[in-house]
């Protein structure tokens, strides 16, 4: 069995973990902290979709001219998850709308990573 889990480099993983928990209801599966208690690396899960977050300021979107991996988060209710992400501090890039067989919108999280939040429409 194979799986792929994205690894997001951020300036401050402690703040990123808090954001992903507030915005998406992410649950921590694993956490490695430094001596001060700040998150170095954390494995998170959003309803079984796992990803990693690590403090790596040199590779964060801010350090690499805003370039980022774009995440696609498929959920049953994209409108409420999108609203939750914005309320938690994301910036709206494209509002939730219907196009190409999807109900989908796009946000930039406070760390600079872009997330498509949507669901396939019934055909």
Protein backbone atom coordinates (compact mmCIF):
# COMPACT_ATOMS: atom_id res chain seq x y z
CA UNK A 1 0.00 0.00 0.00
CA UNK A 2 1.26 3.47 -0.84
CA UNK A 3 0.18 6.91 0.28
CA UNK A 4 1.33 10.46 -0.23
CA UNK A 5 1.22 12.98 2.59
CA UNK A 6 2.11 16.61 1.81
CA UNK A 7 4.78 18.33 3.90
CA UNK A 8 4.13 22.04 4.35
CA UNK A 9 7.10 24.23 5.27
CA UNK A 10 6.07 27.23 7.33
CA UNK A 11 7.73 30.04 9.25
CA UNK A 12 6.07 29.02 12.55
CA UNK A 13 4.63 25.51 12.87
CA UNK A 14 3.09 26.24 16.29
CA UNK A 15 0.92 28.97 14.74
CA UNK A 16 0.23 26.83 11.65
CA UNK A 17 -1.00 23.89 13.73
CA UNK A 18 -3.35 26.21 15.65
CA UNK A 19 -4.68 27.63 12.38
CA UNK A 20 -5.30 24.20 10.78
CA UNK A 21 -7.09 23.05 13.93
CA UNK A 22 -9.33 26.14 13.98
CA UNK A 23 -9.95 26.29 10.23
CA UNK A 24 -10.34 22.61 9.33
CA UNK A 25 -10.74 20.75 12.63
CA UNK A 26 -7.32 19.14 12.11
CA UNK A 27 -6.23 16.62 14.72
CA UNK A 28 -2.61 16.15 15.77
CA UNK A 29 -1.31 12.63 15.18
CA UNK A 30 2.30 13.33 16.05
CA UNK A 31 4.23 16.32 17.38
CA UNK A 32 7.93 17.04 17.85
CA UNK A 33 8.80 20.13 19.88
CA UNK A 34 11.99 22.03 20.61
CA UNK A 35 13.18 22.71 24.17
CA UNK A 36 10.99 25.83 24.38
CA UNK A 37 7.85 23.84 23.50
CA UNK A 38 7.48 25.20 19.96
CA UNK A 39 6.45 22.78 17.24
CA UNK A 40 9.26 21.65 14.95
CA UNK A 41 7.21 19.04 13.05
CA UNK A 42 3.62 17.87 13.41
CA UNK A 43 1.56 15.29 11.57
CA UNK A 44 -2.05 16.41 11.25
CA UNK A 45 -5.20 14.78 9.92
CA UNK A 46 -8.38 16.30 8.54
CA UNK A 47 -10.99 13.51 8.59
CA UNK A 48 -8.34 10.92 7.68
CA UNK A 49 -6.42 13.08 5.17
CA UNK A 50 -2.94 13.28 6.69
CA UNK A 51 -0.30 15.95 6.12
CA UNK A 52 2.79 17.30 7.84
CA UNK A 53 3.70 20.81 8.97
CA UNK A 54 7.27 21.82 9.83
CA UNK A 55 9.01 24.96 10.93
CA UNK A 56 11.32 25.69 8.00
CA UNK A 57 11.43 29.43 7.43
CA UNK A 58 13.89 29.09 4.53
CA UNK A 59 11.40 26.98 2.53
CA UNK A 60 8.15 28.69 3.55
CA UNK A 61 6.11 30.48 0.85
CA UNK A 62 7.27 33.86 2.20
CA UNK A 63 10.91 32.88 1.57
CA UNK A 64 10.41 31.44 -1.92
CA UNK A 65 8.61 34.33 -3.62
CA UNK A 66 5.15 33.12 -2.59
CA UNK A 67 5.44 29.81 -4.44
CA UNK A 68 3.48 27.06 -2.73
CA UNK A 69 1.99 23.64 -3.20
CA UNK A 70 -1.73 23.96 -3.80
CA UNK A 71 -3.74 21.60 -1.59
CA UNK A 72 -7.15 20.25 -2.58
CA UNK A 73 -9.38 19.50 0.39
CA UNK A 74 -12.48 17.53 -0.66
CA UNK A 75 -15.32 17.85 1.87
CA UNK A 76 -19.09 17.35 1.99
CA UNK A 77 -19.84 21.02 2.74
CA UNK A 78 -17.25 23.28 1.06
CA UNK A 79 -19.17 26.45 1.90
CA UNK A 80 -18.95 25.95 5.67
CA UNK A 81 -15.32 24.74 5.60
CA UNK A 82 -14.37 27.70 3.37
CA UNK A 83 -16.11 30.12 5.77
CA UNK A 84 -14.37 28.50 8.75
CA UNK A 85 -10.97 28.83 7.05
CA UNK A 86 -11.55 32.52 6.33
CA UNK A 87 -12.86 33.14 9.87
CA UNK A 88 -9.69 31.52 11.25
CA UNK A 89 -7.48 33.91 9.27
CA UNK A 90 -7.25 32.78 5.63
CA UNK A 91 -7.50 35.16 2.70
CA UNK A 92 -10.09 34.45 0.03
CA UNK A 93 -8.47 33.91 -3.37
CA UNK A 94 -11.60 32.76 -5.24
CA UNK A 95 -15.09 32.47 -3.74
CA UNK A 96 -16.92 29.15 -3.62
CA UNK A 97 -18.72 28.63 -6.92
CA UNK A 98 -19.68 25.85 -9.31
CA UNK A 99 -17.51 25.12 -12.33
CA UNK A 100 -16.14 22.11 -14.20
CA UNK A 101 -18.22 19.66 -12.16
CA UNK A 102 -17.10 20.98 -8.77
CA UNK A 103 -18.40 23.30 -6.06
CA UNK A 104 -15.10 24.82 -5.03
CA UNK A 105 -13.34 27.91 -3.68
CA UNK A 106 -9.73 28.82 -2.96
CA UNK A 107 -8.05 30.39 0.05
CA UNK A 108 -4.50 31.30 1.04
CA UNK A 109 -3.81 30.26 4.61
CA UNK A 110 -1.88 32.57 6.96
CA UNK A 111 1.35 30.67 6.11
CA UNK A 112 0.92 31.40 2.39
CA UNK A 113 -0.21 27.94 1.22
CA UNK A 114 -3.20 27.78 -1.13
CA UNK A 115 -6.11 25.42 -0.52
CA UNK A 116 -8.88 24.50 -2.93
CA UNK A 117 -11.88 23.54 -0.78
CA UNK A 118 -14.62 21.74 -2.63
CA UNK A 119 -16.64 18.70 -3.61
CA UNK A 120 -17.50 17.03 -6.88
CA UNK A 121 -21.02 17.68 -8.09
CA UNK A 122 -23.29 14.78 -8.90
CA UNK A 123 -23.29 13.98 -12.61
